[in-house]
Protein backbone atom coordinates (compact mmCIF):
# COMPACT_ATOMS: atom_id res chain seq x y z
CA MET A 1 115.70 -249.53 -18.85
CA ASP A 2 118.85 -250.90 -20.15
CA SER A 3 120.62 -248.50 -17.85
CA LEU A 4 118.89 -249.84 -14.98
CA GLN A 5 119.50 -253.37 -15.53
CA SER A 6 123.28 -252.66 -15.93
CA LEU A 7 123.38 -250.93 -12.67
CA PHE A 8 121.27 -253.88 -10.71
CA SER A 9 121.49 -256.97 -12.91
CA LEU A 10 123.22 -259.92 -11.42
CA ARG A 11 122.97 -262.15 -14.39
CA GLY A 12 126.21 -263.96 -14.87
CA HIS A 13 127.14 -263.83 -11.33
CA VAL A 14 127.27 -266.62 -8.59
CA GLY A 15 126.29 -265.93 -4.76
CA PHE A 16 127.19 -267.95 -1.80
CA VAL A 17 124.76 -267.20 1.00
CA THR A 18 125.44 -268.85 4.49
CA GLY A 19 122.51 -269.32 7.23
CA ALA A 20 120.08 -269.34 4.01
CA SER A 21 117.77 -271.97 5.42
CA SER A 22 115.84 -269.35 7.65
CA GLY A 23 115.45 -265.77 8.83
CA LEU A 24 117.09 -262.96 7.04
CA GLY A 25 119.38 -265.66 4.94
CA VAL A 26 116.12 -266.72 3.16
CA ASP A 27 115.78 -262.99 2.00
CA CYS A 28 119.46 -262.53 1.21
CA ALA A 29 119.33 -265.65 -1.13
CA ALA A 30 115.92 -264.27 -2.86
CA ALA A 31 117.40 -260.93 -3.37
CA LEU A 32 120.43 -262.47 -5.26
CA ALA A 33 118.31 -264.72 -7.12
CA MET A 34 115.65 -262.07 -8.13
CA ALA A 35 118.44 -259.89 -9.82
CA GLY A 36 119.45 -262.98 -11.79
CA ALA A 37 122.37 -264.35 -9.80
CA ASP A 38 122.96 -268.14 -9.38
CA VAL A 39 122.97 -268.87 -5.77
CA ALA A 40 124.39 -271.68 -3.50
CA LEU A 41 122.42 -271.81 -0.33
CA ALA A 42 124.49 -272.93 2.53
CA ALA A 43 123.31 -274.03 6.27
CA ARG A 44 123.02 -276.76 8.46
CA ARG A 45 119.68 -277.76 8.04
CA GLY A 46 119.76 -279.57 4.48
CA ASP A 47 116.08 -280.32 4.33
CA ARG A 48 115.17 -276.68 4.30
CA LEU A 49 117.63 -275.71 1.86
CA ASP A 50 116.54 -278.24 -0.60
CA LYS A 51 112.74 -276.52 -0.68
CA LEU A 52 114.20 -273.11 -0.93
CA ALA A 53 116.79 -273.99 -3.59
CA ALA A 54 114.00 -275.29 -5.91
CA GLN A 55 111.43 -272.46 -5.23
CA LEU A 56 114.31 -269.83 -6.20
CA ALA A 57 115.15 -271.84 -9.42
CA SER A 58 111.61 -272.03 -10.18
CA GLU A 59 110.53 -268.51 -9.45
CA TYR A 60 113.46 -266.62 -10.83
CA GLY A 61 114.81 -269.15 -13.37
CA VAL A 62 118.31 -269.28 -11.94
CA ARG A 63 120.38 -272.09 -11.14
CA THR A 64 120.79 -273.26 -7.42
CA ALA A 65 122.63 -275.51 -5.16
CA ALA A 66 121.44 -276.60 -1.74
CA ILE A 67 124.66 -277.27 0.41
CA GLN A 68 124.91 -278.50 4.18
CA LEU A 69 127.36 -276.49 5.76
CA ASP A 70 128.49 -275.98 9.41
CA VAL A 71 130.34 -272.70 8.96
CA THR A 72 132.94 -273.22 11.82
CA SER A 73 134.41 -276.30 9.98
CA ASP A 74 137.16 -275.15 7.87
CA GLY A 75 136.93 -278.39 6.07
CA GLN A 76 133.22 -278.25 5.27
CA ILE A 77 133.87 -274.63 4.21
CA ASP A 78 136.48 -275.83 1.63
CA VAL A 79 134.11 -278.66 0.30
CA ALA A 80 130.86 -276.23 0.27
CA LEU A 81 132.75 -273.87 -1.97
CA ALA A 82 134.24 -276.54 -4.29
CA ARG A 83 130.93 -277.87 -4.76
CA ALA A 84 129.48 -274.68 -5.59
CA ARG A 85 132.07 -273.94 -8.16
CA ARG A 86 131.62 -277.28 -9.57
CA GLU A 87 127.83 -276.98 -9.94
CA LEU A 88 127.61 -273.01 -10.61
CA GLY A 89 130.70 -271.59 -11.32
CA LEU A 90 133.22 -269.33 -9.51
CA VAL A 91 131.54 -267.72 -6.34
CA ASP A 92 132.05 -263.92 -6.53
CA ILE A 93 129.39 -262.72 -4.21
CA LEU A 94 129.71 -263.88 -0.67
CA VAL A 95 127.09 -263.00 1.72
CA ASN A 96 128.32 -264.10 5.37
CA ASN A 97 124.94 -264.19 7.01
CA ALA A 98 125.04 -267.21 9.40
CA GLY A 99 125.23 -266.29 13.30
CA ILE A 100 124.04 -267.10 16.65
CA SER A 101 123.07 -264.93 19.45
CA PRO A 102 123.29 -266.58 22.60
CA THR A 103 122.27 -264.38 25.94
CA GLY A 104 123.54 -264.49 29.28
CA ARG A 105 124.83 -262.19 32.02
CA ALA A 106 128.21 -261.21 31.20
CA GLU A 107 129.88 -261.91 34.54
CA SER A 108 128.77 -265.54 34.54
CA LEU A 109 129.09 -266.19 30.62
CA PRO A 110 130.43 -269.71 30.11
CA ARG A 111 133.67 -269.86 28.07
CA ALA A 112 132.21 -272.15 25.76
CA THR A 113 129.19 -269.99 24.86
CA TRP A 114 131.69 -267.08 24.16
CA ASP A 115 133.93 -269.20 22.13
CA ALA A 116 130.97 -270.24 19.83
CA ALA A 117 129.54 -266.92 19.41
CA ILE A 118 132.84 -265.91 18.26
CA ALA A 119 133.50 -268.81 16.10
CA THR A 120 130.30 -268.50 14.23
CA ASN A 121 130.14 -264.68 13.96
CA LEU A 122 133.49 -263.74 13.28
CA THR A 123 136.14 -266.39 12.76
CA ALA A 124 133.57 -268.12 9.96
CA PRO A 125 133.04 -264.97 7.94
CA MET A 126 136.96 -264.45 7.95
CA MET A 127 137.53 -268.23 6.76
CA LEU A 128 134.91 -268.06 4.08
CA ALA A 129 135.94 -264.41 2.80
CA GLN A 130 139.51 -265.46 2.48
CA ARG A 131 138.61 -268.75 0.27
CA VAL A 132 136.37 -266.45 -1.90
CA ALA A 133 139.05 -263.91 -2.30
CA ARG A 134 141.49 -266.16 -3.09
CA GLY A 135 139.73 -267.69 -5.66
CA LEU A 136 139.11 -264.59 -7.16
CA ILE A 137 142.43 -263.26 -7.01
CA GLU A 138 143.66 -266.49 -8.73
CA ALA A 139 141.19 -265.79 -11.56
CA LYS A 140 141.62 -262.02 -11.80
CA ARG A 141 137.93 -261.49 -11.19
CA PRO A 142 136.50 -258.62 -9.16
CA GLY A 143 133.95 -259.70 -6.57
CA ARG A 144 131.47 -258.67 -3.92
CA ILE A 145 131.56 -259.81 0.04
CA ILE A 146 128.74 -258.69 2.32
CA ASN A 147 128.97 -259.31 6.01
CA ILE A 148 125.65 -259.09 8.07
CA VAL A 149 126.55 -257.56 11.21
CA SER A 150 123.82 -255.91 13.40
CA ILE A 151 122.70 -252.37 14.86
CA TYR A 152 124.73 -254.14 17.94
CA ALA A 153 127.98 -253.79 15.78
CA THR A 154 128.13 -250.24 16.95
CA VAL A 155 125.98 -249.88 19.99
CA ALA A 156 125.33 -252.00 23.04
CA SER A 157 121.83 -253.61 23.63
CA SER A 158 119.62 -252.34 26.47
CA ILE A 159 117.17 -255.10 26.13
CA TYR A 160 119.39 -258.37 26.09
CA ARG A 161 122.29 -259.32 27.56
CA LEU A 162 124.66 -260.06 24.62
CA SER A 163 128.16 -259.37 25.25
CA ALA A 164 129.58 -262.32 23.05
CA TYR A 165 127.41 -261.45 20.06
CA THR A 166 128.12 -257.62 20.34
CA ALA A 167 131.72 -258.36 20.69
CA ALA A 168 131.67 -260.71 17.72
CA LYS A 169 129.44 -258.15 15.48
CA GLY A 170 131.75 -255.22 16.07
CA GLY A 171 134.59 -257.27 15.41
CA LEU A 172 133.39 -258.51 12.10
CA LEU A 173 132.44 -254.84 11.21
CA ASN A 174 136.02 -253.52 11.48
CA LEU A 175 137.22 -256.77 9.70
CA THR A 176 134.90 -255.62 6.92
CA ARG A 177 136.93 -252.42 6.84
CA GLN A 178 140.18 -254.14 6.94
CA LEU A 179 139.42 -256.72 4.02
CA ALA A 180 138.11 -253.71 2.03
CA VAL A 181 141.37 -251.97 2.36
CA GLU A 182 143.52 -255.01 1.83
CA TRP A 183 141.59 -256.26 -1.38
CA ALA A 184 140.76 -253.17 -2.75
CA ASP A 185 143.45 -253.31 -5.60
CA TYR A 186 141.71 -256.83 -6.66
CA GLY A 187 138.38 -255.17 -7.33
CA ILE A 188 137.21 -257.02 -4.38
CA LEU A 189 134.49 -254.87 -2.53
CA VAL A 190 133.59 -255.63 1.02
CA ASN A 191 130.84 -253.92 2.86
CA ALA A 192 128.68 -254.87 5.89
CA LEU A 193 124.78 -254.60 6.02
CA ALA A 194 123.35 -253.68 9.64
CA PRO A 195 119.69 -255.05 9.96
CA GLY A 196 117.77 -253.62 12.91
CA TRP A 197 114.64 -255.18 14.72
CA ILE A 198 113.17 -257.33 12.02
CA PRO A 199 111.36 -260.45 13.45
CA THR A 200 112.47 -263.88 12.38
CA GLU A 201 112.06 -267.53 13.40
CA ALA A 202 115.09 -267.02 15.75
CA THR A 203 113.75 -263.54 17.33
CA GLU A 204 110.18 -263.59 17.44
CA ALA A 205 109.76 -265.39 20.70
CA GLY A 206 112.03 -262.82 22.55
CA MET A 207 110.50 -259.88 20.72
CA ALA A 208 107.04 -261.19 22.22
CA LYS A 209 108.42 -261.53 25.70
CA GLY A 210 107.19 -258.69 28.12
CA ASN A 211 107.26 -255.28 26.71
CA ASN A 212 110.21 -255.78 24.39
CA ARG A 213 108.26 -255.19 21.36
CA GLU A 214 106.99 -251.94 22.36
CA ARG A 215 110.78 -250.96 23.78
CA MET A 216 112.02 -251.88 20.07
CA GLU A 217 109.51 -249.96 18.41
CA ARG A 218 109.72 -246.80 20.61
CA SER A 219 113.33 -246.43 20.11
CA THR A 220 113.27 -246.82 16.18
CA PRO A 221 112.41 -243.58 14.66
CA LEU A 222 110.20 -245.24 12.12
CA GLY A 223 108.12 -246.36 14.87
CA ARG A 224 107.87 -250.21 13.84
CA LEU A 225 109.64 -253.16 13.12
CA GLY A 226 111.32 -253.95 9.96
CA GLN A 227 110.38 -256.94 7.54
CA PRO A 228 112.71 -259.43 6.28
CA GLU A 229 111.99 -258.38 2.70
CA GLU A 230 113.41 -254.89 3.39
CA ILE A 231 116.70 -256.06 3.38
CA ARG A 232 116.45 -257.35 -0.21
CA GLY A 233 117.35 -253.80 -1.96
CA ALA A 234 120.22 -253.22 0.26
CA ILE A 235 121.68 -256.88 -0.71
CA ILE A 236 121.08 -256.22 -4.31
CA PHE A 237 122.91 -252.71 -4.34
CA LEU A 238 125.90 -253.97 -2.14
CA ALA A 239 126.16 -257.24 -4.63
CA SER A 240 125.85 -254.80 -7.95
CA GLU A 241 127.50 -252.61 -10.06
CA ALA A 242 125.40 -249.86 -8.35
CA SER A 243 127.82 -250.27 -5.33
CA SER A 244 131.04 -250.04 -7.43
CA TYR A 245 132.50 -247.06 -5.47
CA VAL A 246 131.47 -248.52 -2.04
CA THR A 247 133.74 -250.38 -0.14
CA GLY A 248 134.56 -250.57 3.77
CA SER A 249 131.15 -249.34 4.68
CA MET A 250 128.26 -250.14 6.53
CA LEU A 251 124.73 -249.90 5.15
CA ALA A 252 122.09 -249.78 8.21
CA VAL A 253 118.53 -251.06 7.13
CA ASP A 254 117.21 -250.20 11.00
CA GLY A 255 114.33 -247.76 10.57
CA GLY A 256 116.77 -245.12 11.79
CA TYR A 257 117.53 -246.97 15.03
CA GLN A 258 121.23 -245.79 15.11
CA ALA A 259 120.43 -242.49 14.16
CA TRP A 260 119.74 -241.24 17.56
């Protein structure tokens, strides 16, 4: 048991999760707390964060901080990370989960829609990652950065028109590889996690339209949609000592969707 705990325990570490007020962000934060990390939960909806932060602190006996944050604002990023450090300590686990997935025909997609998707899904993770890495490098500490991408980081969507989203997630996946190479000497491991079809508050309505759910299940080898809690093990693995020789990789939690 001591050996198992040394591999997967996150006691003494500080996580920072964006988009933590709903969807997969909740399970990302819960996974870190479950493994013993103190966790800063960041998102735009502060009221939801307060409730989740209190719940995780009570359930897992860890310290938490609820921090309202618009990830597209560099100024707010700086303030949020400074507050996390002040209240919890130096952030050494970053989970870039916040994202948006606007739909629309590529030939008529408004520039503003494109810009918003790139700003939230690609630029914001870079700005957060560079600041967390800078703090770790200055402190001579190792760390973990986990970028939540998507099955659509590697393939196109035949169900939704997602040109801006797929471009951003594909970019985030290759950014993951580049940062892994650049920061390897500092012991900062950078990996991507790619969820498949998992119902959340943001995706359930679209899945229920027409035969979308049936198509999703049919295109997944396991024959079913995932559950949000099924990403928890992957998060703990990528954040823990168990992944000490893993960097620049993408871990798919997609029921085999990308295997065929």
